[in-house]
């Protein structure tokens, strides 16, 4: 029983590290798949949630990106990266002055 749990933990950490490497290589499709596989094992893995939020931001899925980063920030409030990405979501959303005026109305 312990061996199976150890193997699952190794597989889990391997997938998380692979997902991080895929993001660095800008292979977002592979990273998305791996991060989701990690979440299937551990629903509360903040690193996987953060990676998904980052990928969503890169694909200009701002609502999804904001909410994933908000969740990551809630889970690890001492890390600045989720807050930075949340700010990027707002910056992208209101980059056009017409959008900002619409939001004020």
PDB file of N, CA and C in Angstrom:
ATOM      1  N   UNK A   1       0.820  -1.196   0.000  1.00  0.00           N
ATOM      2  CA  UNK A   1       0.000   0.000   0.000  1.00  0.00           C
ATOM      3  C   UNK A   1       0.862   1.256   0.000  1.00  0.00           C
ATOM      4  N   UNK A   2       1.895   1.284   0.824  1.00  0.00           N
ATOM      5  CA  UNK A   2       2.755   2.458   0.885  1.00  0.00           C
ATOM      6  C   UNK A   2       3.510   2.669  -0.421  1.00  0.00           C
ATOM      7  N   UNK A   3       3.895   1.572  -1.069  1.00  0.00           N
ATOM      8  CA  UNK A   3       4.631   1.686  -2.326  1.00  0.00           C
ATOM      9  C   UNK A   3       3.746   2.353  -3.373  1.00  0.00           C
ATOM     10  N   UNK A   4       2.499   1.961  -3.434  1.00  0.00           N
ATOM     11  CA  UNK A   4       1.570   2.562  -4.386  1.00  0.00           C
ATOM     12  C   UNK A   4       1.413   4.062  -4.121  1.00  0.00           C
ATOM     13  N   UNK A   5       1.293   4.443  -2.855  1.00  0.00           N
ATOM     14  CA  UNK A   5       1.172   5.868  -2.519  1.00  0.00           C
ATOM     15  C   UNK A   5       2.445   6.622  -2.871  1.00  0.00           C
ATOM     16  N   UNK A   6       3.600   5.993  -2.628  1.00  0.00           N
ATOM     17  CA  UNK A   6       4.866   6.632  -2.993  1.00  0.00           C
ATOM     18  C   UNK A   6       4.967   6.810  -4.497  1.00  0.00           C
ATOM     19  N   UNK A   7       4.560   5.790  -5.260  1.00  0.00           N
ATOM     20  CA  UNK A   7       4.595   5.895  -6.716  1.00  0.00           C
ATOM     21  C   UNK A   7       3.656   6.982  -7.212  1.00  0.00           C
ATOM     22  N   UNK A   8       2.479   7.076  -6.590  1.00  0.00           N
ATOM     23  CA  UNK A   8       1.522   8.117  -6.981  1.00  0.00           C
ATOM     24  C   UNK A   8       2.099   9.496  -6.680  1.00  0.00           C
ATOM     25  N   UNK A   9       2.761   9.643  -5.532  1.00  0.00           N
ATOM     26  CA  UNK A   9       3.371  10.926  -5.158  1.00  0.00           C
ATOM     27  C   UNK A   9       4.473  11.306  -6.146  1.00  0.00           C
ATOM     28  N   UNK A  10       5.294  10.327  -6.534  1.00  0.00           N
ATOM     29  CA  UNK A  10       6.365  10.588  -7.494  1.00  0.00           C
ATOM     30  C   UNK A  10       5.770  10.992  -8.837  1.00  0.00           C
ATOM     31  N   UNK A  11       4.740  10.273  -9.270  1.00  0.00           N
ATOM     32  CA  UNK A  11       4.070  10.595 -10.530  1.00  0.00           C
ATOM     33  C   UNK A  11       3.471  12.000 -10.479  1.00  0.00           C
ATOM     34  N   UNK A  12       2.842  12.300  -9.358  1.00  0.00           N
ATOM     35  CA  UNK A  12       2.207  13.609  -9.141  1.00  0.00           C
ATOM     36  C   UNK A  12       3.243  14.730  -9.230  1.00  0.00           C
ATOM     37  N   UNK A  13       4.347  14.588  -8.509  1.00  0.00           N
ATOM     38  CA  UNK A  13       5.390  15.618  -8.525  1.00  0.00           C
ATOM     39  C   UNK A  13       6.049  15.711  -9.899  1.00  0.00           C
ATOM     40  N   UNK A  14       6.197  14.558 -10.553  1.00  0.00           N
ATOM     41  CA  UNK A  14       6.773  14.551 -11.897  1.00  0.00           C
ATOM     42  C   UNK A  14       5.898  15.317 -12.871  1.00  0.00           C
ATOM     43  N   UNK A  15       4.583  15.095 -12.787  1.00  0.00           N
ATOM     44  CA  UNK A  15       3.653  15.804 -13.677  1.00  0.00           C
ATOM     45  C   UNK A  15       3.675  17.305 -13.404  1.00  0.00           C
ATOM     46  N   UNK A  16       3.746  17.674 -12.129  1.00  0.00           N
ATOM     47  CA  UNK A  16       3.793  19.097 -11.789  1.00  0.00           C
ATOM     48  C   UNK A  16       5.065  19.730 -12.335  1.00  0.00           C
ATOM     49  N   UNK A  17       6.205  19.056 -12.178  1.00  0.00           N
ATOM     50  CA  UNK A  17       7.462  19.578 -12.712  1.00  0.00           C
ATOM     51  C   UNK A  17       7.452  19.626 -14.230  1.00  0.00           C
ATOM     52  N   UNK A  18       6.851  18.619 -14.859  1.00  0.00           N
ATOM     53  CA  UNK A  18       6.715  18.625 -16.319  1.00  0.00           C
ATOM     54  C   UNK A  18       5.852  19.791 -16.784  1.00  0.00           C
ATOM     55  N   UNK A  19       4.771  20.059 -16.050  1.00  0.00           N
ATOM     56  CA  UNK A  19       3.881  21.174 -16.394  1.00  0.00           C
ATOM     57  C   UNK A  19       4.633  22.494 -16.296  1.00  0.00           C
ATOM     58  N   UNK A  20       5.430  22.658 -15.242  1.00  0.00           N
ATOM     59  CA  UNK A  20       6.216  23.889 -15.096  1.00  0.00           C
ATOM     60  C   UNK A  20       7.200  24.042 -16.249  1.00  0.00           C
ATOM     61  N   UNK A  21       7.863  22.941 -16.631  1.00  0.00           N
ATOM     62  CA  UNK A  21       8.822  22.984 -17.739  1.00  0.00           C
ATOM     63  C   UNK A  21       8.104  23.309 -19.048  1.00  0.00           C
ATOM     64  N   UNK A  22       6.923  22.758 -19.238  1.00  0.00           N
ATOM     65  CA  UNK A  22       6.161  23.033 -20.463  1.00  0.00           C
ATOM     66  C   UNK A  22       5.768  24.505 -20.542  1.00  0.00           C
ATOM     67  N   UNK A  23       5.401  25.107 -19.407  1.00  0.00           N
ATOM     68  CA  UNK A  23       5.079  26.542 -19.398  1.00  0.00           C
ATOM     69  C   UNK A  23       6.314  27.344 -19.778  1.00  0.00           C
ATOM     70  N   UNK A  24       7.455  26.987 -19.207  1.00  0.00           N
ATOM     71  CA  UNK A  24       8.688  27.706 -19.536  1.00  0.00           C
ATOM     72  C   UNK A  24       9.028  27.586 -21.016  1.00  0.00           C
ATOM     73  N   UNK A  25       8.684  26.435 -21.620  1.00  0.00           N
ATOM     74  CA  UNK A  25       8.935  26.218 -23.044  1.00  0.00           C
ATOM     75  C   UNK A  25       7.810  26.770 -23.915  1.00  0.00           C
ATOM     76  N   UNK A  26       6.828  27.388 -23.279  1.00  0.00           N
ATOM     77  CA  UNK A  26       5.650  27.950 -23.951  1.00  0.00           C
ATOM     78  C   UNK A  26       4.820  26.883 -24.677  1.00  0.00           C
ATOM     79  N   UNK A  27       4.891  25.655 -24.175  1.00  0.00           N
ATOM     80  CA  UNK A  27       4.044  24.567 -24.682  1.00  0.00           C
ATOM     81  C   UNK A  27       2.819  24.524 -23.774  1.00  0.00           C
ATOM     82  N   UNK A  28       1.932  25.496 -23.982  1.00  0.00           N
ATOM     83  CA  UNK A  28       0.801  25.686 -23.080  1.00  0.00           C
ATOM     84  C   UNK A  28      -0.219  24.557 -23.145  1.00  0.00           C
ATOM     85  N   UNK A  29      -0.375  23.945 -24.297  1.00  0.00           N
ATOM     86  CA  UNK A  29      -1.329  22.839 -24.417  1.00  0.00           C
ATOM     87  C   UNK A  29      -0.888  21.658 -23.534  1.00  0.00           C
ATOM     88  N   UNK A  30       0.392  21.326 -23.602  1.00  0.00           N
ATOM     89  CA  UNK A  30       0.925  20.238 -22.777  1.00  0.00           C
ATOM     90  C   UNK A  30       0.843  20.605 -21.298  1.00  0.00           C
ATOM     91  N   UNK A  31       1.203  21.840 -20.971  1.00  0.00           N
ATOM     92  CA  UNK A  31       1.174  22.290 -19.578  1.00  0.00           C
ATOM     93  C   UNK A  31      -0.240  22.251 -19.019  1.00  0.00           C
ATOM     94  N   UNK A  32      -1.223  22.676 -19.824  1.00  0.00           N
ATOM     95  CA  UNK A  32      -2.636  22.672 -19.397  1.00  0.00           C
ATOM     96  C   UNK A  32      -3.067  21.248 -19.056  1.00  0.00           C
ATOM     97  N   UNK A  33      -2.735  20.315 -19.934  1.00  0.00           N
ATOM     98  CA  UNK A  33      -3.109  18.909 -19.743  1.00  0.00           C
ATOM     99  C   UNK A  33      -2.465  18.362 -18.466  1.00  0.00           C
ATOM    100  N   UNK A  34      -1.185  18.596 -18.282  1.00  0.00           N
ATOM    101  CA  UNK A  34      -0.478  18.068 -17.109  1.00  0.00           C
ATOM    102  C   UNK A  34      -0.987  18.695 -15.811  1.00  0.00           C
ATOM    103  N   UNK A  35      -1.212  19.998 -15.817  1.00  0.00           N
ATOM    104  CA  UNK A  35      -1.714  20.659 -14.607  1.00  0.00           C
ATOM    105  C   UNK A  35      -3.092  20.127 -14.237  1.00  0.00           C
ATOM    106  N   UNK A  36      -3.909  19.854 -15.229  1.00  0.00           N
ATOM    107  CA  UNK A  36      -5.219  19.260 -14.950  1.00  0.00           C
ATOM    108  C   UNK A  36      -5.089  17.849 -14.399  1.00  0.00           C
ATOM    109  N   UNK A  37      -4.123  17.092 -14.874  1.00  0.00           N
ATOM    110  CA  UNK A  37      -3.884  15.751 -14.339  1.00  0.00           C
ATOM    111  C   UNK A  37      -3.453  15.833 -12.869  1.00  0.00           C
ATOM    112  N   UNK A  38      -2.651  16.835 -12.550  1.00  0.00           N
ATOM    113  CA  UNK A  38      -2.240  17.045 -11.154  1.00  0.00           C
ATOM    114  C   UNK A  38      -3.464  17.363 -10.299  1.00  0.00           C
ATOM    115  N   UNK A  39      -4.346  18.218 -10.796  1.00  0.00           N
ATOM    116  CA  UNK A  39      -5.555  18.568 -10.034  1.00  0.00           C
ATOM    117  C   UNK A  39      -6.498  17.381  -9.879  1.00  0.00           C
ATOM    118  N   UNK A  40      -6.446  16.441 -10.797  1.00  0.00           N
ATOM    119  CA  UNK A  40      -7.273  15.239 -10.664  1.00  0.00           C
ATOM    120  C   UNK A  40      -6.798  14.403  -9.484  1.00  0.00           C
ATOM    121  N   UNK A  41      -5.509  14.488  -9.160  1.00  0.00           N
ATOM    122  CA  UNK A  41      -4.946  13.763  -8.020  1.00  0.00           C
ATOM    123  C   UNK A  41      -5.144  14.556  -6.738  1.00  0.00           C
ATOM    124  N   UNK A  42      -4.908  15.859  -6.805  1.00  0.00           N
ATOM    125  CA  UNK A  42      -5.025  16.733  -5.630  1.00  0.00           C
ATOM    126  C   UNK A  42      -5.755  18.009  -6.043  1.00  0.00           C
ATOM    127  N   UNK A  43      -7.032  18.080  -5.670  1.00  0.00           N
ATOM    128  CA  UNK A  43      -7.862  19.228  -6.050  1.00  0.00           C
ATOM    129  C   UNK A  43      -7.304  20.550  -5.537  1.00  0.00           C
ATOM    130  N   UNK A  44      -6.501  20.534  -4.509  1.00  0.00           N
ATOM    131  CA  UNK A  44      -6.044  21.756  -3.846  1.00  0.00           C
ATOM    132  C   UNK A  44      -4.574  22.072  -4.101  1.00  0.00           C
ATOM    133  N   UNK A  45      -4.043  21.654  -5.212  1.00  0.00           N
ATOM    134  CA  UNK A  45      -2.637  21.932  -5.516  1.00  0.00           C
ATOM    135  C   UNK A  45      -2.510  23.350  -6.068  1.00  0.00           C
ATOM    136  N   UNK A  46      -2.033  24.249  -5.229  1.00  0.00           N
ATOM    137  CA  UNK A  46      -1.976  25.664  -5.595  1.00  0.00           C
ATOM    138  C   UNK A  46      -1.061  25.923  -6.787  1.00  0.00           C
ATOM    139  N   UNK A  47       0.022  25.170  -6.910  1.00  0.00           N
ATOM    140  CA  UNK A  47       0.940  25.394  -8.036  1.00  0.00           C
ATOM    141  C   UNK A  47       0.256  25.069  -9.359  1.00  0.00           C
ATOM    142  N   UNK A  48      -0.540  24.014  -9.397  1.00  0.00           N
ATOM    143  CA  UNK A  48      -1.257  23.652 -10.622  1.00  0.00           C
ATOM    144  C   UNK A  48      -2.315  24.706 -10.944  1.00  0.00           C
ATOM    145  N   UNK A  49      -3.004  25.185  -9.925  1.00  0.00           N
ATOM    146  CA  UNK A  49      -4.014  26.224 -10.130  1.00  0.00           C
ATOM    147  C   UNK A  49      -3.354  27.497 -10.654  1.00  0.00           C
ATOM    148  N   UNK A  50      -2.216  27.847 -10.085  1.00  0.00           N
ATOM    149  CA  UNK A  50      -1.482  29.026 -10.549  1.00  0.00           C
ATOM    150  C   UNK A  50      -1.055  28.857 -12.011  1.00  0.00           C
ATOM    151  N   UNK A  51      -0.516  27.678 -12.361  1.00  0.00           N
ATOM    152  CA  UNK A  51      -0.095  27.439 -13.737  1.00  0.00           C
ATOM    153  C   UNK A  51      -1.261  27.580 -14.711  1.00  0.00           C
ATOM    154  N   UNK A  52      -2.410  27.035 -14.334  1.00  0.00           N
ATOM    155  CA  UNK A  52      -3.589  27.152 -15.193  1.00  0.00           C
ATOM    156  C   UNK A  52      -4.003  28.616 -15.353  1.00  0.00           C
ATOM    157  N   UNK A  53      -3.911  29.376 -14.264  1.00  0.00           N
ATOM    158  CA  UNK A  53      -4.222  30.804 -14.328  1.00  0.00           C
ATOM    159  C   UNK A  53      -3.272  31.558 -15.238  1.00  0.00           C
ATOM    160  N   UNK A  54      -1.996  31.198 -15.163  1.00  0.00           N
ATOM    161  CA  UNK A  54      -0.994  31.836 -16.013  1.00  0.00           C
ATOM    162  C   UNK A  54      -1.257  31.512 -17.485  1.00  0.00           C
ATOM    163  N   UNK A  55      -1.560  30.239 -17.762  1.00  0.00           N
ATOM    164  CA  UNK A  55      -1.837  29.826 -19.138  1.00  0.00           C
ATOM    165  C   UNK A  55      -3.080  30.543 -19.668  1.00  0.00           C
ATOM    166  N   UNK A  56      -4.108  30.635 -18.841  1.00  0.00           N
ATOM    167  CA  UNK A  56      -5.325  31.343 -19.248  1.00  0.00           C
ATOM    168  C   UNK A  56      -5.006  32.807 -19.564  1.00  0.00           C
ATOM    169  N   UNK A  57      -4.146  33.421 -18.781  1.00  0.00           N
ATOM    170  CA  UNK A  57      -3.745  34.810 -19.034  1.00  0.00           C
ATOM    171  C   UNK A  57      -3.007  34.926 -20.368  1.00  0.00           C
ATOM    172  N   UNK A  58      -2.144  33.974 -20.660  1.00  0.00           N
ATOM    173  CA  UNK A  58      -1.406  33.991 -21.930  1.00  0.00           C
ATOM    174  C   UNK A  58      -2.341  33.849 -23.123  1.00  0.00           C
ATOM    175  N   UNK A  59      -3.479  33.198 -22.910  1.00  0.00           N
ATOM    176  CA  UNK A  59      -4.464  33.017 -23.987  1.00  0.00           C
ATOM    177  C   UNK A  59      -5.585  34.066 -23.920  1.00  0.00           C
ATOM    178  N   UNK A  60      -5.362  35.102 -23.136  1.00  0.00           N
ATOM    179  CA  UNK A  60      -6.300  36.221 -22.994  1.00  0.00           C
ATOM    180  C   UNK A  60      -7.692  35.787 -22.555  1.00  0.00           C
ATOM    181  N   UNK A  61      -7.749  34.733 -21.762  1.00  0.00           N
ATOM    182  CA  UNK A  61      -8.991  34.315 -21.119  1.00  0.00           C
ATOM    183  C   UNK A  61      -9.000  34.976 -19.747  1.00  0.00           C
ATOM    184  N   UNK A  62      -9.291  36.279 -19.759  1.00  0.00           N
ATOM    185  CA  UNK A  62      -9.049  37.116 -18.590  1.00  0.00           C
ATOM    186  C   UNK A  62      -9.923  36.765 -17.395  1.00  0.00           C
ATOM    187  N   UNK A  63     -11.181  36.447 -17.614  1.00  0.00           N
ATOM    188  CA  UNK A  63     -12.058  36.093 -16.493  1.00  0.00           C
ATOM    189  C   UNK A  63     -11.590  34.823 -15.804  1.00  0.00           C
ATOM    190  N   UNK A  64     -11.254  33.819 -16.600  1.00  0.00           N
ATOM    191  CA  UNK A  64     -10.752  32.562 -16.046  1.00  0.00           C
ATOM    192  C   UNK A  64      -9.409  32.775 -15.365  1.00  0.00           C
ATOM    193  N   UNK A  65      -8.528  33.511 -16.025  1.00  0.00           N
ATOM    194  CA  UNK A  65      -7.200  33.782 -15.471  1.00  0.00           C
ATOM    195  C   UNK A  65      -7.298  34.507 -14.135  1.00  0.00           C
ATOM    196  N   UNK A  66      -8.152  35.527 -14.080  1.00  0.00           N
ATOM    197  CA  UNK A  66      -8.311  36.281 -12.838  1.00  0.00           C
ATOM    198  C   UNK A  66      -8.772  35.368 -11.702  1.00  0.00           C
ATOM    199  N   UNK A  67      -9.790  34.567 -11.973  1.00  0.00           N
ATOM    200  CA  UNK A  67     -10.351  33.735 -10.910  1.00  0.00           C
ATOM    201  C   UNK A  67      -9.423  32.611 -10.477  1.00  0.00           C
ATOM    202  N   UNK A  68      -8.668  32.029 -11.397  1.00  0.00           N
ATOM    203  CA  UNK A  68      -7.687  31.010 -11.009  1.00  0.00           C
ATOM    204  C   UNK A  68      -6.568  31.633 -10.171  1.00  0.00           C
ATOM    205  N   UNK A  69      -6.108  32.815 -10.579  1.00  0.00           N
ATOM    206  CA  UNK A  69      -5.057  33.483  -9.799  1.00  0.00           C
ATOM    207  C   UNK A  69      -5.575  33.944  -8.438  1.00  0.00           C
ATOM    208  N   UNK A  70      -6.842  34.349  -8.394  1.00  0.00           N
ATOM    209  CA  UNK A  70      -7.443  34.735  -7.111  1.00  0.00           C
ATOM    210  C   UNK A  70      -7.467  33.530  -6.167  1.00  0.00           C
ATOM    211  N   UNK A  71      -7.810  32.369  -6.723  1.00  0.00           N
ATOM    212  CA  UNK A  71      -7.821  31.157  -5.905  1.00  0.00           C
ATOM    213  C   UNK A  71      -6.402  30.802  -5.442  1.00  0.00           C
ATOM    214  N   UNK A  72      -5.434  30.918  -6.338  1.00  0.00           N
ATOM    215  CA  UNK A  72      -4.044  30.634  -5.965  1.00  0.00           C
ATOM    216  C   UNK A  72      -3.579  31.597  -4.880  1.00  0.00           C
ATOM    217  N   UNK A  73      -3.939  32.864  -4.995  1.00  0.00           N
ATOM    218  CA  UNK A  73      -3.561  33.848  -3.971  1.00  0.00           C
ATOM    219  C   UNK A  73      -4.195  33.508  -2.617  1.00  0.00           C
ATOM    220  N   UNK A  74      -5.433  33.092  -2.644  1.00  0.00           N
ATOM    221  CA  UNK A  74      -6.115  32.700  -1.404  1.00  0.00           C
ATOM    222  C   UNK A  74      -5.384  31.541  -0.737  1.00  0.00           C
ATOM    223  N   UNK A  75      -4.873  30.611  -1.552  1.00  0.00           N
ATOM    224  CA  UNK A  75      -4.210  29.418  -1.023  1.00  0.00           C
ATOM    225  C   UNK A  75      -2.798  29.709  -0.530  1.00  0.00           C
ATOM    226  N   UNK A  76      -2.091  30.614  -1.192  1.00  0.00           N
ATOM    227  CA  UNK A  76      -0.719  30.964  -0.810  1.00  0.00           C
ATOM    228  C   UNK A  76      -0.580  32.486  -0.807  1.00  0.00           C
ATOM    229  N   UNK A  77      -1.142  33.142   0.214  1.00  0.00           N
ATOM    230  CA  UNK A  77      -1.175  34.615   0.222  1.00  0.00           C
ATOM    231  C   UNK A  77       0.195  35.278   0.329  1.00  0.00           C
ATOM    232  N   UNK A  78       1.222  34.528   0.714  1.00  0.00           N
ATOM    233  CA  UNK A  78       2.558  35.123   0.839  1.00  0.00           C
ATOM    234  C   UNK A  78       3.288  35.231  -0.504  1.00  0.00           C
ATOM    235  N   UNK A  79       2.717  34.664  -1.569  1.00  0.00           N
ATOM    236  CA  UNK A  79       3.342  34.727  -2.889  1.00  0.00           C
ATOM    237  C   UNK A  79       2.777  35.901  -3.677  1.00  0.00           C
ATOM    238  N   UNK A  80       3.630  36.646  -4.335  1.00  0.00           N
ATOM    239  CA  UNK A  80       3.210  37.826  -5.086  1.00  0.00           C
ATOM    240  C   UNK A  80       2.753  37.511  -6.513  1.00  0.00           C
ATOM    241  N   UNK A  81       3.155  36.375  -7.051  1.00  0.00           N
ATOM    242  CA  UNK A  81       2.878  36.069  -8.454  1.00  0.00           C
ATOM    243  C   UNK A  81       1.380  36.082  -8.791  1.00  0.00           C
ATOM    244  N   UNK A  82       0.522  35.457  -7.976  1.00  0.00           N
ATOM    245  CA  UNK A  82      -0.906  35.518  -8.322  1.00  0.00           C
ATOM    246  C   UNK A  82      -1.453  36.943  -8.337  1.00  0.00           C
ATOM    247  N   UNK A  83      -1.012  37.772  -7.397  1.00  0.00           N
ATOM    248  CA  UNK A  83      -1.459  39.171  -7.384  1.00  0.00           C
ATOM    249  C   UNK A  83      -0.991  39.908  -8.629  1.00  0.00           C
ATOM    250  N   UNK A  84       0.237  39.654  -9.035  1.00  0.00           N
ATOM    251  CA  UNK A  84       0.763  40.273 -10.249  1.00  0.00           C
ATOM    252  C   UNK A  84      -0.088  39.874 -11.450  1.00  0.00           C
ATOM    253  N   UNK A  85      -0.412  38.591 -11.548  1.00  0.00           N
ATOM    254  CA  UNK A  85      -1.221  38.133 -12.678  1.00  0.00           C
ATOM    255  C   UNK A  85      -2.640  38.698 -12.634  1.00  0.00           C
ATOM    256  N   UNK A  86      -3.187  38.856 -11.438  1.00  0.00           N
ATOM    257  CA  UNK A  86      -4.507  39.472 -11.315  1.00  0.00           C
ATOM    258  C   UNK A  86      -4.447  40.912 -11.837  1.00  0.00           C
ATOM    259  N   UNK A  87      -3.390  41.617 -11.501  1.00  0.00           N
ATOM    260  CA  UNK A  87      -3.203  42.978 -12.007  1.00  0.00           C
ATOM    261  C   UNK A  87      -3.067  43.005 -13.520  1.00  0.00           C
ATOM    262  N   UNK A  88      -2.383  42.005 -14.073  1.00  0.00           N
ATOM    263  CA  UNK A  88      -2.249  41.917 -15.534  1.00  0.00           C
ATOM    264  C   UNK A  88      -3.612  41.705 -16.188  1.00  0.00           C
ATOM    265  N   UNK A  89      -4.473  40.936 -15.529  1.00  0.00           N
ATOM    266  CA  UNK A  89      -5.831  40.734 -16.061  1.00  0.00           C
ATOM    267  C   UNK A  89      -6.563  42.067 -16.161  1.00  0.00           C
ATOM    268  N   UNK A  90      -6.492  42.872 -15.092  1.00  0.00           N
ATOM    269  CA  UNK A  90      -7.146  44.183 -15.113  1.00  0.00           C
ATOM    270  C   UNK A  90      -6.502  45.103 -16.140  1.00  0.00           C
ATOM    271  N   UNK A  91      -5.192  45.060 -16.224  1.00  0.00           N
ATOM    272  CA  UNK A  91      -4.473  45.900 -17.180  1.00  0.00           C
ATOM    273  C   UNK A  91      -4.882  45.561 -18.609  1.00  0.00           C
ATOM    274  N   UNK A  92      -4.961  44.283 -18.920  1.00  0.00           N
ATOM    275  CA  UNK A  92      -5.373  43.857 -20.262  1.00  0.00           C
ATOM    276  C   UNK A  92      -6.838  44.208 -20.522  1.00  0.00           C
ATOM    277  N   UNK A  93      -7.667  44.017 -19.510  1.00  0.00           N
ATOM    278  CA  UNK A  93      -9.109  44.248 -19.671  1.00  0.00           C
ATOM    279  C   UNK A  93      -9.404  45.703 -19.982  1.00  0.00           C
ATOM    280  N   UNK A  94      -8.720  46.596 -19.330  1.00  0.00           N
ATOM    281  CA  UNK A  94      -9.003  48.016 -19.517  1.00  0.00           C
ATOM    282  C   UNK A  94      -7.855  48.744 -20.212  1.00  0.00           C
ATOM    283  N   UNK A  95      -7.159  48.055 -21.095  1.00  0.00           N
ATOM    284  CA  UNK A  95      -6.066  48.673 -21.845  1.00  0.00           C
ATOM    285  C   UNK A  95      -6.597  49.681 -22.858  1.00  0.00           C
ATOM    286  N   UNK A  96      -7.795  49.452 -23.343  1.00  0.00           N
ATOM    287  CA  UNK A  96      -8.419  50.354 -24.307  1.00  0.00           C
ATOM    288  C   UNK A  96      -9.190  51.433 -23.541  1.00  0.00           C
ATOM    289  N   UNK A  97      -8.893  52.704 -23.761  1.00  0.00           N
ATOM    290  CA  UNK A  97      -9.611  53.779 -23.028  1.00  0.00           C
ATOM    291  C   UNK A  97     -11.121  53.732 -23.187  1.00  0.00           C
ATOM    292  N   UNK A  98     -11.612  53.247 -24.330  1.00  0.00           N
ATOM    293  CA  UNK A  98     -13.061  53.135 -24.539  1.00  0.00           C
ATOM    294  C   UNK A  98     -13.669  52.141 -23.558  1.00  0.00           C
ATOM    295  N   UNK A  99     -12.954  51.048 -23.289  1.00  0.00           N
ATOM    296  CA  UNK A  99     -13.437  50.055 -22.323  1.00  0.00           C
ATOM    297  C   UNK A  99     -13.516  50.648 -20.927  1.00  0.00           C
ATOM    298  N   UNK A 100     -12.527  51.481 -20.578  1.00  0.00           N
ATOM    299  CA  UNK A 100     -12.513  52.095 -19.260  1.00  0.00           C
ATOM    300  C   UNK A 100     -13.684  53.037 -19.100  1.00  0.00           C
ATOM    301  N   UNK A 101     -13.957  53.828 -20.124  1.00  0.00           N
ATOM    302  CA  UNK A 101     -15.095  54.755 -20.055  1.00  0.00           C
ATOM    303  C   UNK A 101     -16.401  53.974 -19.917  1.00  0.00           C
ATOM    304  N   UNK A 102     -16.523  52.867 -20.637  1.00  0.00           N
ATOM    305  CA  UNK A 102     -17.716  52.036 -20.556  1.00  0.00           C
ATOM    306  C   UNK A 102     -17.884  51.484 -19.133  1.00  0.00           C
ATOM    307  N   UNK A 103     -16.781  51.093 -18.504  1.00  0.00           N
ATOM    308  CA  UNK A 103     -16.837  50.535 -17.163  1.00  0.00           C
ATOM    309  C   UNK A 103     -17.261  51.593 -16.145  1.00  0.00           C
ATOM    310  N   UNK A 104     -16.885  52.849 -16.388  1.00  0.00           N
ATOM    311  CA  UNK A 104     -17.236  53.921 -15.459  1.00  0.00           C
ATOM    312  C   UNK A 104     -18.720  54.281 -15.546  1.00  0.00           C
ATOM    313  N   UNK A 105     -19.347  54.015 -16.652  1.00  0.00           N
ATOM    314  CA  UNK A 105     -20.761  54.364 -16.839  1.00  0.00           C
ATOM    315  C   UNK A 105     -21.665  53.381 -16.213  1.00  0.00           C
TER     316      UNK A 105
END
